[in-house]
Amino acid sequence: GDAVMTQPLLANIKEQYPEAKIDVLASTWVAPI
């Protein structure tokens, strides 16, 4: 649930820095999100 709630943060970072590559380090449990 917390992982889903972070998606708007990712979208906002992408808006601020369109050229940036955003990588995520996640446990195998939440990686599919």
PDB file of all heavy atoms in Angstrom:
ATOM      1  N   GLY A   1       0.820  -1.211   0.000  1.00  0.00           N
ATOM      2  CA  GLY A   1       0.000   0.000   0.000  1.00  0.00           C
ATOM      3  C   GLY A   1       0.851   1.257   0.000  1.00  0.00           C
ATOM      4  O   GLY A   1       0.584   2.210  -0.745  1.00  0.00           O
ATOM      5  N   ASP A   2       1.901   1.261   0.832  1.00  0.00           N
ATOM      6  CA  ASP A   2       2.795   2.417   0.890  1.00  0.00           C
ATOM      7  C   ASP A   2       3.492   2.622  -0.459  1.00  0.00           C
ATOM      8  O   ASP A   2       3.664   3.762  -0.913  1.00  0.00           O
ATOM      9  CB  ASP A   2       3.850   2.240   1.983  1.00  0.00           C
ATOM     10  CG  ASP A   2       3.267   2.360   3.388  1.00  0.00           C
ATOM     11  OD1 ASP A   2       2.066   2.660   3.513  1.00  0.00           O
ATOM     12  OD2 ASP A   2       4.007   2.140   4.364  1.00  0.00           O
ATOM     13  N   ALA A   3       3.889   1.518  -1.086  1.00  0.00           N
ATOM     14  CA  ALA A   3       4.563   1.617  -2.390  1.00  0.00           C
ATOM     15  C   ALA A   3       3.640   2.265  -3.430  1.00  0.00           C
ATOM     16  O   ALA A   3       4.074   3.135  -4.191  1.00  0.00           O
ATOM     17  CB  ALA A   3       5.004   0.232  -2.856  1.00  0.00           C
ATOM     18  N   VAL A   4       2.373   1.877  -3.437  1.00  0.00           N
ATOM     19  CA  VAL A   4       1.411   2.483  -4.377  1.00  0.00           C
ATOM     20  C   VAL A   4       1.322   3.985  -4.128  1.00  0.00           C
ATOM     21  O   VAL A   4       1.264   4.791  -5.058  1.00  0.00           O
ATOM     22  CB  VAL A   4       0.016   1.829  -4.241  1.00  0.00           C
ATOM     23  CG1 VAL A   4      -1.016   2.556  -5.111  1.00  0.00           C
ATOM     24  CG2 VAL A   4       0.058   0.345  -4.622  1.00  0.00           C
ATOM     25  N   MET A   5       1.343   4.371  -2.842  1.00  0.00           N
ATOM     26  CA  MET A   5       1.200   5.781  -2.475  1.00  0.00           C
ATOM     27  C   MET A   5       2.398   6.635  -2.899  1.00  0.00           C
ATOM     28  O   MET A   5       2.332   7.858  -2.844  1.00  0.00           O
ATOM     29  CB  MET A   5       1.039   5.916  -0.954  1.00  0.00           C
ATOM     30  CG  MET A   5      -0.214   5.314  -0.402  1.00  0.00           C
ATOM     31  SD  MET A   5      -1.635   6.275  -0.878  1.00  0.00           S
ATOM     32  CE  MET A   5      -2.838   4.998  -1.003  1.00  0.00           C
ATOM     33  N   THR A   6       3.501   6.005  -3.298  1.00  0.00           N
ATOM     34  CA  THR A   6       4.676   6.781  -3.713  1.00  0.00           C
ATOM     35  C   THR A   6       4.640   7.152  -5.192  1.00  0.00           C
ATOM     36  O   THR A   6       5.447   7.963  -5.641  1.00  0.00           O
ATOM     37  CB  THR A   6       5.985   5.995  -3.449  1.00  0.00           C
ATOM     38  OG1 THR A   6       6.022   4.829  -4.284  1.00  0.00           O
ATOM     39  CG2 THR A   6       6.104   5.584  -1.994  1.00  0.00           C
ATOM     40  N   GLN A   7       3.711   6.576  -5.955  1.00  0.00           N
ATOM     41  CA  GLN A   7       3.721   6.825  -7.411  1.00  0.00           C
ATOM     42  C   GLN A   7       3.573   8.307  -7.767  1.00  0.00           C
ATOM     43  O   GLN A   7       4.280   8.800  -8.662  1.00  0.00           O
ATOM     44  CB  GLN A   7       2.656   5.963  -8.103  1.00  0.00           C
ATOM     45  CG  GLN A   7       2.708   6.004  -9.619  1.00  0.00           C
ATOM     46  CD  GLN A   7       1.948   7.182 -10.219  1.00  0.00           C
ATOM     47  OE1 GLN A   7       0.956   7.637  -9.661  1.00  0.00           O
ATOM     48  NE2 GLN A   7       2.415   7.684 -11.360  1.00  0.00           N
ATOM     49  N   PRO A   8       2.689   9.077  -7.100  1.00  0.00           N
ATOM     50  CA  PRO A   8       2.641  10.507  -7.424  1.00  0.00           C
ATOM     51  C   PRO A   8       3.965  11.238  -7.177  1.00  0.00           C
ATOM     52  O   PRO A   8       4.282  12.203  -7.885  1.00  0.00           O
ATOM     53  CB  PRO A   8       1.528  11.034  -6.503  1.00  0.00           C
ATOM     54  CG  PRO A   8       0.625   9.850  -6.324  1.00  0.00           C
ATOM     55  CD  PRO A   8       1.579   8.687  -6.204  1.00  0.00           C
ATOM     56  N   LEU A   9       4.743  10.794  -6.198  1.00  0.00           N
ATOM     57  CA  LEU A   9       6.078  11.369  -5.991  1.00  0.00           C
ATOM     58  C   LEU A   9       6.947  11.126  -7.224  1.00  0.00           C
ATOM     59  O   LEU A   9       7.617  12.036  -7.722  1.00  0.00           O
ATOM     60  CB  LEU A   9       6.743  10.762  -4.745  1.00  0.00           C
ATOM     61  CG  LEU A   9       8.246  11.047  -4.568  1.00  0.00           C
ATOM     62  CD1 LEU A   9       8.491  12.532  -4.313  1.00  0.00           C
ATOM     63  CD2 LEU A   9       8.834  10.208  -3.440  1.00  0.00           C
ATOM     64  N   LEU A  10       6.916   9.891  -7.739  1.00  0.00           N
ATOM     65  CA  LEU A  10       7.716   9.573  -8.935  1.00  0.00           C
ATOM     66  C   LEU A  10       7.279  10.435 -10.115  1.00  0.00           C
ATOM     67  O   LEU A  10       8.111  10.956 -10.866  1.00  0.00           O
ATOM     68  CB  LEU A  10       7.562   8.089  -9.314  1.00  0.00           C
ATOM     69  CG  LEU A  10       7.866   7.041  -8.242  1.00  0.00           C
ATOM     70  CD1 LEU A  10       7.785   5.642  -8.821  1.00  0.00           C
ATOM     71  CD2 LEU A  10       9.229   7.263  -7.616  1.00  0.00           C
ATOM     72  N   ALA A  11       5.962  10.589 -10.266  1.00  0.00           N
ATOM     73  CA  ALA A  11       5.432  11.399 -11.372  1.00  0.00           C
ATOM     74  C   ALA A  11       5.885  12.849 -11.229  1.00  0.00           C
ATOM     75  O   ALA A  11       6.239  13.508 -12.216  1.00  0.00           O
ATOM     76  CB  ALA A  11       3.908  11.305 -11.407  1.00  0.00           C
ATOM     77  N   ASN A  12       5.900  13.344  -9.982  1.00  0.00           N
ATOM     78  CA  ASN A  12       6.305  14.723  -9.740  1.00  0.00           C
ATOM     79  C   ASN A  12       7.794  14.933 -10.025  1.00  0.00           C
ATOM     80  O   ASN A  12       8.196  15.946 -10.605  1.00  0.00           O
ATOM     81  CB  ASN A  12       5.963  15.107  -8.299  1.00  0.00           C
ATOM     82  CG  ASN A  12       6.147  16.594  -8.032  1.00  0.00           C
ATOM     83  OD1 ASN A  12       6.880  16.974  -7.135  1.00  0.00           O
ATOM     84  ND2 ASN A  12       5.501  17.433  -8.816  1.00  0.00           N
ATOM     85  N   ILE A  13       8.610  13.950  -9.620  1.00  0.00           N
ATOM     86  CA  ILE A  13      10.051  14.035  -9.905  1.00  0.00           C
ATOM     87  C   ILE A  13      10.267  14.046 -11.424  1.00  0.00           C
ATOM     88  O   ILE A  13      11.077  14.820 -11.951  1.00  0.00           O
ATOM     89  CB  ILE A  13      10.817  12.850  -9.261  1.00  0.00           C
ATOM     90  CG1 ILE A  13      10.749  12.933  -7.734  1.00  0.00           C
ATOM     91  CG2 ILE A  13      12.273  12.830  -9.716  1.00  0.00           C
ATOM     92  CD1 ILE A  13      11.215  11.667  -7.027  1.00  0.00           C
ATOM     93  N   LYS A  14       9.516  13.195 -12.126  1.00  0.00           N
ATOM     94  CA  LYS A  14       9.644  13.124 -13.590  1.00  0.00           C
ATOM     95  C   LYS A  14       9.210  14.439 -14.247  1.00  0.00           C
ATOM     96  O   LYS A  14       9.782  14.862 -15.251  1.00  0.00           O
ATOM     97  CB  LYS A  14       8.805  11.949 -14.112  1.00  0.00           C
ATOM     98  CG  LYS A  14       9.180  11.490 -15.510  1.00  0.00           C
ATOM     99  CD  LYS A  14      10.565  10.866 -15.538  1.00  0.00           C
ATOM    100  CE  LYS A  14      10.914  10.363 -16.928  1.00  0.00           C
ATOM    101  NZ  LYS A  14      12.330   9.983 -17.048  1.00  0.00           N
ATOM    102  N   GLU A  15       8.208  15.092 -13.663  1.00  0.00           N
ATOM    103  CA  GLU A  15       7.774  16.403 -14.170  1.00  0.00           C
ATOM    104  C   GLU A  15       8.879  17.439 -13.988  1.00  0.00           C
ATOM    105  O   GLU A  15       9.134  18.252 -14.865  1.00  0.00           O
ATOM    106  CB  GLU A  15       6.517  16.876 -13.416  1.00  0.00           C
ATOM    107  CG  GLU A  15       5.212  16.532 -14.102  1.00  0.00           C
ATOM    108  CD  GLU A  15       4.005  17.077 -13.323  1.00  0.00           C
ATOM    109  OE1 GLU A  15       4.070  18.210 -12.809  1.00  0.00           O
ATOM    110  OE2 GLU A  15       3.004  16.342 -13.231  1.00  0.00           O
ATOM    111  N   GLN A  16       9.520  17.397 -12.822  1.00  0.00           N
ATOM    112  CA  GLN A  16      10.584  18.369 -12.530  1.00  0.00           C
ATOM    113  C   GLN A  16      11.835  18.102 -13.362  1.00  0.00           C
ATOM    114  O   GLN A  16      12.515  19.026 -13.797  1.00  0.00           O
ATOM    115  CB  GLN A  16      10.963  18.309 -11.043  1.00  0.00           C
ATOM    116  CG  GLN A  16       9.946  18.900 -10.097  1.00  0.00           C
ATOM    117  CD  GLN A  16      10.492  18.898  -8.667  1.00  0.00           C
ATOM    118  OE1 GLN A  16      11.570  19.409  -8.407  1.00  0.00           O
ATOM    119  NE2 GLN A  16       9.742  18.319  -7.745  1.00  0.00           N
ATOM    120  N   TYR A  17      12.146  16.801 -13.548  1.00  0.00           N
ATOM    121  CA  TYR A  17      13.376  16.411 -14.245  1.00  0.00           C
ATOM    122  C   TYR A  17      13.051  15.383 -15.334  1.00  0.00           C
ATOM    123  O   TYR A  17      13.295  14.191 -15.170  1.00  0.00           O
ATOM    124  CB  TYR A  17      14.395  15.822 -13.251  1.00  0.00           C
ATOM    125  CG  TYR A  17      14.741  16.768 -12.138  1.00  0.00           C
ATOM    126  CD1 TYR A  17      14.105  16.688 -10.901  1.00  0.00           C
ATOM    127  CD2 TYR A  17      15.689  17.775 -12.328  1.00  0.00           C
ATOM    128  CE1 TYR A  17      14.404  17.578  -9.882  1.00  0.00           C
ATOM    129  CE2 TYR A  17      16.002  18.670 -11.314  1.00  0.00           C
ATOM    130  CZ  TYR A  17      15.356  18.570 -10.104  1.00  0.00           C
ATOM    131  OH  TYR A  17      15.654  19.468  -9.089  1.00  0.00           O
ATOM    132  N   PRO A  18      12.497  15.850 -16.462  1.00  0.00           N
ATOM    133  CA  PRO A  18      12.034  14.919 -17.498  1.00  0.00           C
ATOM    134  C   PRO A  18      13.132  14.022 -18.059  1.00  0.00           C
ATOM    135  O   PRO A  18      12.860  12.915 -18.514  1.00  0.00           O
ATOM    136  CB  PRO A  18      11.463  15.838 -18.592  1.00  0.00           C
ATOM    137  CG  PRO A  18      11.406  17.205 -18.019  1.00  0.00           C
ATOM    138  CD  PRO A  18      12.246  17.237 -16.795  1.00  0.00           C
ATOM    139  N   GLU A  19      14.375  14.511 -18.025  1.00  0.00           N
ATOM    140  CA  GLU A  19      15.481  13.720 -18.601  1.00  0.00           C
ATOM    141  C   GLU A  19      16.033  12.685 -17.616  1.00  0.00           C
ATOM    142  O   GLU A  19      16.827  11.827 -17.994  1.00  0.00           O
ATOM    143  CB  GLU A  19      16.634  14.655 -19.031  1.00  0.00           C
ATOM    144  CG  GLU A  19      16.237  15.733 -20.047  1.00  0.00           C
ATOM    145  CD  GLU A  19      15.642  15.135 -21.306  1.00  0.00           C
ATOM    146  OE1 GLU A  19      16.227  14.173 -21.836  1.00  0.00           O
ATOM    147  OE2 GLU A  19      14.579  15.614 -21.757  1.00  0.00           O
ATOM    148  N   ALA A  20      15.650  12.797 -16.368  1.00  0.00           N
ATOM    149  CA  ALA A  20      16.236  11.922 -15.339  1.00  0.00           C
ATOM    150  C   ALA A  20      15.766  10.480 -15.490  1.00  0.00           C
ATOM    151  O   ALA A  20      14.606  10.226 -15.823  1.00  0.00           O
ATOM    152  CB  ALA A  20      15.874  12.438 -13.952  1.00  0.00           C
ATOM    153  N   LYS A  21      16.682   9.570 -15.234  1.00  0.00           N
ATOM    154  CA  LYS A  21      16.316   8.150 -15.161  1.00  0.00           C
ATOM    155  C   LYS A  21      16.053   7.829 -13.697  1.00  0.00           C
ATOM    156  O   LYS A  21      16.936   8.007 -12.851  1.00  0.00           O
ATOM    157  CB  LYS A  21      17.433   7.274 -15.713  1.00  0.00           C
ATOM    158  CG  LYS A  21      17.513   7.331 -17.233  1.00  0.00           C
ATOM    159  CD  LYS A  21      18.508   6.340 -17.776  1.00  0.00           C
ATOM    160  CE  LYS A  21      18.443   6.324 -19.301  1.00  0.00           C
ATOM    161  NZ  LYS A  21      19.489   5.462 -19.884  1.00  0.00           N
ATOM    162  N   ILE A  22      14.844   7.343 -13.424  1.00  0.00           N
ATOM    163  CA  ILE A  22      14.464   7.025 -12.044  1.00  0.00           C
ATOM    164  C   ILE A  22      14.530   5.506 -11.866  1.00  0.00           C
ATOM    165  O   ILE A  22      13.792   4.761 -12.514  1.00  0.00           O
ATOM    166  CB  ILE A  22      13.041   7.528 -11.726  1.00  0.00           C
ATOM    167  CG1 ILE A  22      12.955   9.054 -11.922  1.00  0.00           C
ATOM    168  CG2 ILE A  22      12.635   7.145 -10.306  1.00  0.00           C
ATOM    169  CD1 ILE A  22      11.542   9.619 -11.810  1.00  0.00           C
ATOM    170  N   ASP A  23      15.439   5.062 -11.006  1.00  0.00           N
ATOM    171  CA  ASP A  23      15.540   3.642 -10.662  1.00  0.00           C
ATOM    172  C   ASP A  23      15.009   3.443  -9.251  1.00  0.00           C
ATOM    173  O   ASP A  23      15.059   4.359  -8.418  1.00  0.00           O
ATOM    174  CB  ASP A  23      16.994   3.161 -10.728  1.00  0.00           C
ATOM    175  CG  ASP A  23      17.554   3.174 -12.151  1.00  0.00           C
ATOM    176  OD1 ASP A  23      16.758   3.341 -13.107  1.00  0.00           O
ATOM    177  OD2 ASP A  23      18.785   3.036 -12.309  1.00  0.00           O
ATOM    178  N   VAL A  24      14.493   2.246  -8.987  1.00  0.00           N
ATOM    179  CA  VAL A  24      13.920   1.948  -7.673  1.00  0.00           C
ATOM    180  C   VAL A  24      14.583   0.694  -7.102  1.00  0.00           C
ATOM    181  O   VAL A  24      14.647  -0.340  -7.772  1.00  0.00           O
ATOM    182  CB  VAL A  24      12.391   1.740  -7.755  1.00  0.00           C
ATOM    183  CG1 VAL A  24      11.830   1.384  -6.383  1.00  0.00           C
ATOM    184  CG2 VAL A  24      11.696   2.997  -8.284  1.00  0.00           C
ATOM    185  N   LEU A  25      15.081   0.813  -5.881  1.00  0.00           N
ATOM    186  CA  LEU A  25      15.584  -0.346  -5.142  1.00  0.00           C
ATOM    187  C   LEU A  25      14.460  -0.814  -4.225  1.00  0.00           C
ATOM    188  O   LEU A  25      13.994  -0.058  -3.365  1.00  0.00           O
ATOM    189  CB  LEU A  25      16.818   0.031  -4.320  1.00  0.00           C
ATOM    190  CG  LEU A  25      17.396  -1.067  -3.415  1.00  0.00           C
ATOM    191  CD1 LEU A  25      17.907  -2.255  -4.234  1.00  0.00           C
ATOM    192  CD2 LEU A  25      18.514  -0.519  -2.534  1.00  0.00           C
ATOM    193  N   ALA A  26      13.982  -2.032  -4.461  1.00  0.00           N
ATOM    194  CA  ALA A  26      12.799  -2.510  -3.736  1.00  0.00           C
ATOM    195  C   ALA A  26      12.965  -3.958  -3.332  1.00  0.00           C
ATOM    196  O   ALA A  26      13.669  -4.730  -3.988  1.00  0.00           O
ATOM    197  CB  ALA A  26      11.556  -2.364  -4.618  1.00  0.00           C
ATOM    198  N   SER A  27      12.292  -4.341  -2.257  1.00  0.00           N
ATOM    199  CA  SER A  27      12.238  -5.757  -1.885  1.00  0.00           C
ATOM    200  C   SER A  27      11.468  -6.508  -2.962  1.00  0.00           C
ATOM    201  O   SER A  27      10.656  -5.921  -3.685  1.00  0.00           O
ATOM    202  CB  SER A  27      11.541  -5.920  -0.531  1.00  0.00           C
ATOM    203  OG  SER A  27      10.175  -5.574  -0.676  1.00  0.00           O
ATOM    204  N   THR A  28      11.721  -7.797  -3.066  1.00  0.00           N
ATOM    205  CA  THR A  28      11.030  -8.606  -4.081  1.00  0.00           C
ATOM    206  C   THR A  28       9.515  -8.532  -3.886  1.00  0.00           C
ATOM    207  O   THR A  28       8.756  -8.660  -4.840  1.00  0.00           O
ATOM    208  CB  THR A  28      11.486 -10.074  -4.007  1.00  0.00           C
ATOM    209  OG1 THR A  28      11.387 -10.509  -2.644  1.00  0.00           O
ATOM    210  CG2 THR A  28      12.922 -10.238  -4.451  1.00  0.00           C
ATOM    211  N   TRP A  29       9.091  -8.264  -2.648  1.00  0.00           N
ATOM    212  CA  TRP A  29       7.671  -8.223  -2.315  1.00  0.00           C
ATOM    213  C   TRP A  29       6.956  -7.063  -2.988  1.00  0.00           C
ATOM    214  O   TRP A  29       5.851  -7.194  -3.496  1.00  0.00           O
ATOM    215  CB  TRP A  29       7.548  -8.138  -0.781  1.00  0.00           C
ATOM    216  CG  TRP A  29       6.170  -8.030  -0.215  1.00  0.00           C
ATOM    217  CD1 TRP A  29       5.692  -7.017   0.564  1.00  0.00           C
ATOM    218  CD2 TRP A  29       5.095  -8.951  -0.350  1.00  0.00           C
ATOM    219  NE1 TRP A  29       4.386  -7.253   0.913  1.00  0.00           N
ATOM    220  CE2 TRP A  29       3.993  -8.442   0.369  1.00  0.00           C
ATOM    221  CE3 TRP A  29       4.937 -10.175  -1.018  1.00  0.00           C
ATOM    222  CZ2 TRP A  29       2.766  -9.092   0.443  1.00  0.00           C
ATOM    223  CZ3 TRP A  29       3.719 -10.824  -0.940  1.00  0.00           C
ATOM    224  CH2 TRP A  29       2.652 -10.285  -0.218  1.00  0.00           C
ATOM    225  N   VAL A  30       7.596  -5.868  -2.996  1.00  0.00           N
ATOM    226  CA  VAL A  30       6.928  -4.688  -3.569  1.00  0.00           C
ATOM    227  C   VAL A  30       7.421  -4.319  -4.967  1.00  0.00           C
ATOM    228  O   VAL A  30       6.842  -3.433  -5.605  1.00  0.00           O
ATOM    229  CB  VAL A  30       7.036  -3.437  -2.656  1.00  0.00           C
ATOM    230  CG1 VAL A  30       6.413  -3.670  -1.309  1.00  0.00           C
ATOM    231  CG2 VAL A  30       8.460  -2.962  -2.517  1.00  0.00           C
ATOM    232  N   ALA A  31       8.451  -5.001  -5.459  1.00  0.00           N
ATOM    233  CA  ALA A  31       9.003  -4.673  -6.780  1.00  0.00           C
ATOM    234  C   ALA A  31       7.942  -4.629  -7.894  1.00  0.00           C
ATOM    235  O   ALA A  31       7.998  -3.744  -8.758  1.00  0.00           O
ATOM    236  CB  ALA A  31      10.118  -5.658  -7.138  1.00  0.00           C
ATOM    237  N   PRO A  32       6.937  -5.552  -7.899  1.00  0.00           N
ATOM    238  CA  PRO A  32       5.939  -5.496  -8.976  1.00  0.00           C
ATOM    239  C   PRO A  32       5.182  -4.169  -9.058  1.00  0.00           C
ATOM    240  O   PRO A  32       4.759  -3.759 -10.143  1.00  0.00           O
ATOM    241  CB  PRO A  32       4.974  -6.640  -8.625  1.00  0.00           C
ATOM    242  CG  PRO A  32       5.810  -7.610  -7.854  1.00  0.00           C
ATOM    243  CD  PRO A  32       6.736  -6.752  -7.057  1.00  0.00           C
ATOM    244  N   ILE A  33       5.018  -3.478  -7.933  1.00  0.00           N
ATOM    245  CA  ILE A  33       4.339  -2.168  -7.952  1.00  0.00           C
ATOM    246  C   ILE A  33       5.127  -1.207  -8.832  1.00  0.00           C
ATOM    247  O   ILE A  33       4.554  -0.465  -9.649  1.00  0.00           O
ATOM    248  CB  ILE A  33       4.207  -1.587  -6.522  1.00  0.00           C
ATOM    249  CG1 ILE A  33       3.358  -2.494  -5.630  1.00  0.00           C
ATOM    250  CG2 ILE A  33       3.651  -0.158  -6.561  1.00  0.00           C
ATOM    251  CD1 ILE A  33       1.932  -2.713  -6.097  1.00  0.00           C
TER     252      ILE A  33
END
